[in-house]
C-alpha cells in the first residue's frame, strides 16, 4: 500500500510539473510574439527543439522502432491536429491575456466528450450532455461575444481548443497501437518538417540574448512537459491525474501578472469556474461509468 501511495504521489507531482511546463510554453510564446517574432517561427522552435529531445531520448534505446509507425495515416493526422492547435494558440496569444487563452482551452475535455459521440461511437448520457452545455456557457462568459471586450482572436483560440480535442480523440484511437516514443517523434518531427519552409520565409532573429534563450526554452518546455505527463500516466491512473490540469489557471494568472502585468477579469474568473465545474463533473461521471482502475501489478 505504501509503495502504491508513493507511486501515486510521484505521478501527481510529475503531472504538476507537466502543467507548470505547459504554462511556461504559453508564457514564453506570448513573450516572443510580443517581442516581434512571427508566431509561426515560435511554433517551429517549439517543435524543432522537442523533436531533437525526442530523438536523443528514444533513438539510442529503441532505434528505428521509435520512428516506425503501425498506423501512419492516423499518426500523421494526430500530429497535424496538434500542430494546428499550437499555431492557432500562439497566434491568439499575441492579442489575448494568458488567462483568457488558458481558460478557453480548459473547455477541451468538454469538447472531447461531445466529439467522442460521432468519432468514437461513445454513448453520452443526459447528465454529461447537460455538463457539456454548461461548460460552453462558461466559454461564452469568458468570450462575451456580445460585449466590447470581445476580440476576434478568441475565435482562433476556440479553433485551437477544437483541434486539440481532435488530437486527444486521435490519441485515444492510437492507444495500444503506437508506443509513446513513436507518438512523440511523429508529433514533433512532422510539425518541424511542415513548418520549416514557412518559418524560414518569415524568420526574424531575436535582438537580444534573452530572446535567443527564450526561443530555445519554448521548445525545451514543450518536450519536457510532454515527457513529465507521459511518465505521470505510467505511475497513476488518468482518472486521478485529469483534475491536475486545472491548476494551470492559477499558474497562468500568476505568470500573466508577473510577466505581463495583466490581471484576470471578473468575467474570465467566473467563466473559468463554470468551465472547471463542468469539466470536473464530466470527469466524475466518467469515473463512475468506467469504475475504479485495476490495481497496479506492484500491489497484487
Protein backbone atom coordinates (compact mmCIF):
# COMPACT_ATOMS: atom_id res chain seq x y z
CA UNK A 1 0.00 0.00 0.00
CA UNK A 2 2.82 2.40 0.89
CA UNK A 3 4.54 1.66 -2.44
CA UNK A 4 1.29 2.36 -4.32
CA UNK A 5 0.82 5.65 -2.47
CA UNK A 6 4.41 6.62 -3.29
CA UNK A 7 3.78 5.89 -6.99
CA UNK A 8 0.57 7.91 -6.96
CA UNK A 9 2.28 10.80 -5.18
CA UNK A 10 5.15 10.78 -7.66
CA UNK A 11 2.71 10.60 -10.57
CA UNK A 12 0.69 13.55 -9.29
CA UNK A 13 3.91 15.51 -8.68
CA UNK A 14 5.16 14.83 -12.22
CA UNK A 15 1.79 15.88 -13.65
CA UNK A 16 2.03 19.12 -11.68
CA UNK A 17 5.46 19.71 -13.24
CA UNK A 18 3.97 18.99 -16.69
CA UNK A 19 1.23 21.57 -16.11
CA UNK A 20 3.86 24.07 -14.97
CA UNK A 21 5.71 23.33 -18.22
CA UNK A 22 2.55 23.93 -20.26
CA UNK A 23 2.19 27.34 -18.60
CA UNK A 24 5.83 28.12 -19.35
CA UNK A 25 5.26 27.24 -23.03
CA UNK A 26 2.42 29.75 -23.33
CA UNK A 27 4.25 32.41 -21.32
CA UNK A 28 7.41 32.06 -23.44
CA UNK A 29 5.41 32.07 -26.68
CA UNK A 30 3.50 35.20 -25.71
CA UNK A 31 6.72 36.97 -24.70
CA UNK A 32 8.33 36.08 -28.04
CA UNK A 33 5.44 37.16 -30.28
CA UNK A 34 5.12 40.42 -28.34
CA UNK A 35 8.86 40.91 -28.91
CA UNK A 36 8.19 40.84 -32.66
CA UNK A 37 8.92 37.23 -33.64
CA UNK A 38 6.36 35.67 -36.05
CA UNK A 39 4.06 33.17 -34.36
CA UNK A 40 4.88 30.52 -37.00
CA UNK A 41 8.60 30.83 -36.15
CA UNK A 42 7.88 30.38 -32.44
CA UNK A 43 5.77 27.28 -33.18
CA UNK A 44 8.61 25.89 -35.31
CA UNK A 45 11.13 26.44 -32.49
CA UNK A 46 8.77 24.78 -30.02
CA UNK A 47 8.58 21.60 -32.14
CA UNK A 48 12.13 21.58 -33.51
CA UNK A 49 13.70 21.51 -30.04
CA UNK A 50 11.10 18.96 -28.90
CA UNK A 51 11.98 16.80 -31.93
CA UNK A 52 15.69 16.88 -31.04
CA UNK A 53 14.86 15.94 -27.45
CA UNK A 54 12.71 13.02 -28.63
CA UNK A 55 15.43 11.73 -30.97
CA UNK A 56 18.13 11.93 -28.28
CA UNK A 57 15.87 10.24 -25.74
CA UNK A 58 14.32 7.44 -27.81
CA UNK A 59 16.63 6.58 -30.73
CA UNK A 60 19.52 5.11 -28.67
CA UNK A 61 17.07 2.93 -26.75
CA UNK A 62 14.56 1.91 -29.44
CA UNK A 63 16.36 2.55 -32.72
CA UNK A 64 14.22 2.54 -35.83
CA UNK A 65 11.15 1.37 -33.88
CA UNK A 66 10.84 4.88 -32.46
CA UNK A 67 10.18 6.21 -35.97
CA UNK A 68 8.29 3.28 -37.49
CA UNK A 69 4.51 3.70 -37.15
CA UNK A 70 1.86 0.98 -37.18
CA UNK A 71 -0.80 3.48 -38.25
CA UNK A 72 1.00 6.23 -40.21
CA UNK A 73 -2.14 7.92 -41.60
CA UNK A 74 -3.77 8.28 -38.20
CA UNK A 75 -0.47 9.25 -36.62
CA UNK A 76 0.04 11.96 -39.24
CA UNK A 77 -3.50 13.28 -38.72
CA UNK A 78 -2.96 13.35 -34.97
CA UNK A 79 0.30 15.25 -35.40
CA UNK A 80 -1.29 17.80 -37.73
CA UNK A 81 -4.14 18.42 -35.28
CA UNK A 82 -1.61 19.16 -32.53
CA UNK A 83 0.47 21.41 -34.79
CA UNK A 84 -2.62 23.32 -35.95
CA UNK A 85 -3.75 23.81 -32.38
CA UNK A 86 -0.36 25.25 -31.41
CA UNK A 87 -0.29 27.61 -34.41
CA UNK A 88 -3.75 28.96 -33.56
CA UNK A 89 -2.97 29.22 -29.84
CA UNK A 90 0.36 31.03 -30.26
CA UNK A 91 -1.21 33.45 -32.75
CA UNK A 92 -4.07 34.18 -30.33
CA UNK A 93 -1.57 34.78 -27.52
CA UNK A 94 -0.33 37.84 -29.40
CA UNK A 95 -3.68 39.53 -28.75
CA UNK A 96 -5.19 37.87 -25.67
CA UNK A 97 -4.16 37.59 -22.00
CA UNK A 98 -2.76 34.25 -20.84
CA UNK A 99 -5.71 33.74 -18.51
CA UNK A 100 -8.21 34.05 -21.39
CA UNK A 101 -6.43 31.61 -23.73
CA UNK A 102 -5.86 29.13 -20.89
CA UNK A 103 -9.48 29.29 -19.74
CA UNK A 104 -10.87 28.73 -23.23
CA UNK A 105 -8.51 25.77 -23.71
CA UNK A 106 -9.92 24.30 -20.47
CA UNK A 107 -13.12 23.52 -22.40
CA UNK A 108 -11.13 20.86 -24.29
CA UNK A 109 -12.33 17.90 -22.14
CA UNK A 110 -15.89 19.11 -22.70
CA UNK A 111 -15.37 19.20 -26.47
CA UNK A 112 -13.74 15.74 -26.36
CA UNK A 113 -16.88 14.38 -24.66
CA UNK A 114 -19.02 15.82 -27.46
CA UNK A 115 -16.71 14.77 -30.33
CA UNK A 116 -16.38 11.23 -28.98
CA UNK A 117 -20.04 10.60 -29.87
CA UNK A 118 -19.71 10.71 -33.70
CA UNK A 119 -16.00 9.80 -33.95
CA UNK A 120 -15.61 7.03 -31.36
CA UNK A 121 -19.25 6.00 -31.15
CA UNK A 122 -19.33 6.61 -27.39
CA UNK A 123 -22.67 6.92 -25.63
CA UNK A 124 -23.07 10.06 -23.55
CA UNK A 125 -25.89 10.27 -21.01
CA UNK A 126 -28.10 13.24 -20.26
CA UNK A 127 -26.02 14.26 -17.23
CA UNK A 128 -22.83 14.66 -19.27
CA UNK A 129 -24.70 16.40 -22.10
CA UNK A 130 -26.03 18.97 -19.61
CA UNK A 131 -22.48 19.41 -18.26
CA UNK A 132 -21.27 20.00 -21.85
CA UNK A 133 -23.87 22.74 -22.33
CA UNK A 134 -22.93 24.34 -19.00
CA UNK A 135 -19.25 24.22 -19.95
CA UNK A 136 -19.82 26.01 -23.23
CA UNK A 137 -21.92 28.57 -21.37
CA UNK A 138 -18.74 29.24 -19.37
CA UNK A 139 -16.85 29.74 -22.65
CA UNK A 140 -19.42 32.35 -23.70
CA UNK A 141 -18.99 34.12 -20.36
CA UNK A 142 -15.23 34.34 -20.99
CA UNK A 143 -15.52 35.38 -24.63
CA UNK A 144 -18.50 37.76 -24.19
CA UNK A 145 -19.28 37.92 -27.94
CA UNK A 146 -21.97 40.47 -27.12
CA UNK A 147 -19.63 42.94 -25.38
CA UNK A 148 -16.84 45.40 -26.08
CA UNK A 149 -14.24 43.04 -24.57
CA UNK A 150 -14.70 40.51 -27.36
CA UNK A 151 -11.65 40.07 -29.62
CA UNK A 152 -11.69 38.09 -32.91
CA UNK A 153 -8.56 36.22 -31.72
CA UNK A 154 -10.86 34.40 -29.28
CA UNK A 155 -12.32 32.54 -32.28
CA UNK A 156 -8.78 31.48 -33.18
CA UNK A 157 -8.34 30.25 -29.62
CA UNK A 158 -11.63 28.36 -29.90
CA UNK A 159 -10.30 26.70 -33.07
CA UNK A 160 -7.10 25.81 -31.17
CA UNK A 161 -9.22 24.12 -28.49
CA UNK A 162 -11.20 22.17 -31.11
CA UNK A 163 -8.05 20.95 -32.87
CA UNK A 164 -6.51 19.98 -29.52
CA UNK A 165 -9.68 18.00 -28.74
CA UNK A 166 -9.40 16.16 -32.07
CA UNK A 167 -5.74 15.46 -31.19
CA UNK A 168 -6.84 13.81 -27.92
CA UNK A 169 -9.50 11.81 -29.78
CA UNK A 170 -6.83 10.53 -32.17
CA UNK A 171 -4.60 9.74 -29.19
CA UNK A 172 -7.38 7.53 -27.81
CA UNK A 173 -7.72 5.80 -31.18
CA UNK A 174 -3.98 5.04 -31.24
CA UNK A 175 -3.85 3.74 -27.66
CA UNK A 176 -2.37 0.25 -27.66
CA UNK A 177 -1.32 0.59 -31.32
CA UNK A 178 1.57 3.05 -31.05
CA UNK A 179 4.32 3.44 -28.47
CA UNK A 180 4.89 6.70 -26.63
CA UNK A 181 8.24 7.07 -28.40
CA UNK A 182 6.66 6.84 -31.86
CA UNK A 183 3.88 9.27 -30.94
CA UNK A 184 6.33 11.86 -29.61
CA UNK A 185 8.75 11.55 -32.53
CA UNK A 186 5.95 11.83 -35.08
CA UNK A 187 4.13 14.70 -33.34
CA UNK A 188 7.27 16.83 -33.05
CA UNK A 189 9.03 15.65 -36.22
CA UNK A 190 6.16 16.09 -38.66
CA UNK A 191 5.41 19.58 -37.32
CA UNK A 192 9.09 20.51 -37.66
CA UNK A 193 9.21 19.39 -41.30
CA UNK A 194 5.91 21.02 -42.27
CA UNK A 195 6.66 24.33 -40.55
CA UNK A 196 10.31 24.70 -41.65
CA UNK A 197 9.70 26.44 -45.03
CA UNK A 198 7.02 28.73 -43.58
CA UNK A 199 9.14 29.68 -40.57
CA UNK A 200 12.24 30.28 -42.69
CA UNK A 201 10.36 32.60 -45.08
CA UNK A 202 9.44 34.98 -42.22
CA UNK A 203 12.40 34.32 -39.90
CA UNK A 204 13.36 37.14 -37.55
CA UNK A 205 16.46 36.81 -35.40
CA UNK A 206 15.96 37.89 -31.78
CA UNK A 207 17.55 41.25 -30.95
CA UNK A 208 18.83 40.19 -27.53
CA UNK A 209 20.47 37.28 -25.74
CA UNK A 210 17.27 36.87 -23.73
CA UNK A 211 15.34 36.40 -26.96
CA UNK A 212 17.60 33.54 -28.05
CA UNK A 213 17.31 31.93 -24.61
CA UNK A 214 13.52 32.10 -24.55
CA UNK A 215 13.30 30.82 -28.15
CA UNK A 216 15.22 27.71 -27.07
CA UNK A 217 13.29 27.41 -23.81
CA UNK A 218 9.90 27.29 -25.53
CA UNK A 219 10.99 24.03 -27.18
CA UNK A 220 12.61 22.64 -24.04
CA UNK A 221 9.44 23.36 -22.06
CA UNK A 222 7.41 21.67 -24.80
CA UNK A 223 9.44 18.47 -24.86
CA UNK A 224 10.00 18.23 -21.10
CA UNK A 225 6.37 18.84 -20.15
CA UNK A 226 5.19 16.07 -22.50
CA UNK A 227 7.79 13.69 -21.04
CA UNK A 228 6.64 14.51 -17.50
CA UNK A 229 2.99 13.99 -18.48
CA UNK A 230 3.82 10.64 -20.10
CA UNK A 231 5.65 9.30 -17.07
CA UNK A 232 2.94 10.64 -14.75
CA UNK A 233 0.38 8.49 -16.60
CA UNK A 234 2.61 5.46 -16.14
CA UNK A 235 2.62 5.98 -12.38
CA UNK A 236 -1.00 6.98 -11.78
CA UNK A 237 -4.33 6.38 -13.49
CA UNK A 238 -5.56 9.08 -15.88
CA UNK A 239 -8.73 9.48 -13.80
CA UNK A 240 -6.57 10.60 -10.87
CA UNK A 241 -4.37 12.94 -12.90
CA UNK A 242 -7.06 14.64 -15.01
CA UNK A 243 -8.11 17.32 -12.47
CA UNK A 244 -4.48 18.41 -12.08
CA UNK A 245 -4.69 20.35 -15.34
CA UNK A 246 -6.94 22.90 -13.67
CA UNK A 247 -4.10 24.28 -11.56
CA UNK A 248 -2.90 25.83 -14.80
CA UNK A 249 -5.41 28.67 -14.45
CA UNK A 250 -3.70 29.69 -11.20
CA UNK A 251 -0.25 29.42 -12.78
CA UNK A 252 -1.41 31.34 -15.87
CA UNK A 253 -2.81 34.11 -13.68
CA UNK A 254 0.47 34.37 -11.75
CA UNK A 255 2.53 34.42 -14.98
CA UNK A 256 0.20 36.97 -16.55
CA UNK A 257 0.55 39.31 -13.56
CA UNK A 258 4.30 38.89 -13.02
CA UNK A 259 5.50 38.84 -16.65
CA UNK A 260 2.92 40.97 -18.48
CA UNK A 261 1.29 42.99 -15.70
CA UNK A 262 -2.17 41.79 -16.73
CA UNK A 263 -4.77 40.82 -14.13
CA UNK A 264 -7.61 38.38 -14.97
CA UNK A 265 -11.03 39.99 -15.33
CA UNK A 266 -14.06 39.03 -13.28
CA UNK A 267 -15.66 37.51 -16.40
CA UNK A 268 -12.60 35.34 -17.06
CA UNK A 269 -12.62 34.07 -13.49
CA UNK A 270 -16.39 33.43 -13.50
CA UNK A 271 -16.31 31.69 -16.87
CA UNK A 272 -13.29 29.67 -15.75
CA UNK A 273 -15.12 28.48 -12.63
CA UNK A 274 -18.11 27.38 -14.75
CA UNK A 275 -15.86 25.52 -17.23
CA UNK A 276 -13.88 23.84 -14.43
CA UNK A 277 -17.08 22.80 -12.61
CA UNK A 278 -18.46 21.26 -15.81
CA UNK A 279 -15.16 19.53 -16.57
CA UNK A 280 -14.85 18.09 -13.07
CA UNK A 281 -18.43 16.83 -13.24
CA UNK A 282 -17.78 15.11 -16.59
CA UNK A 283 -14.60 13.59 -15.12
CA UNK A 284 -16.60 12.35 -12.11
CA UNK A 285 -19.30 10.78 -14.31
CA UNK A 286 -16.60 9.17 -16.47
CA UNK A 287 -15.01 7.57 -13.40
CA UNK A 288 -18.40 6.26 -12.26
CA UNK A 289 -19.12 4.85 -15.73
CA UNK A 290 -15.80 3.05 -16.08
CA UNK A 291 -15.47 2.04 -12.44
CA UNK A 292 -12.29 2.09 -10.33
CA UNK A 293 -8.99 1.44 -12.12
CA UNK A 294 -7.47 -2.03 -11.79
CA UNK A 295 -4.83 -2.46 -9.08
CA UNK A 296 -1.24 -1.86 -10.02
CA UNK A 297 0.80 -5.04 -10.59
CA UNK A 298 3.08 -3.85 -7.78
CA UNK A 299 0.20 -4.10 -5.25
CA UNK A 300 -1.14 -7.54 -6.27
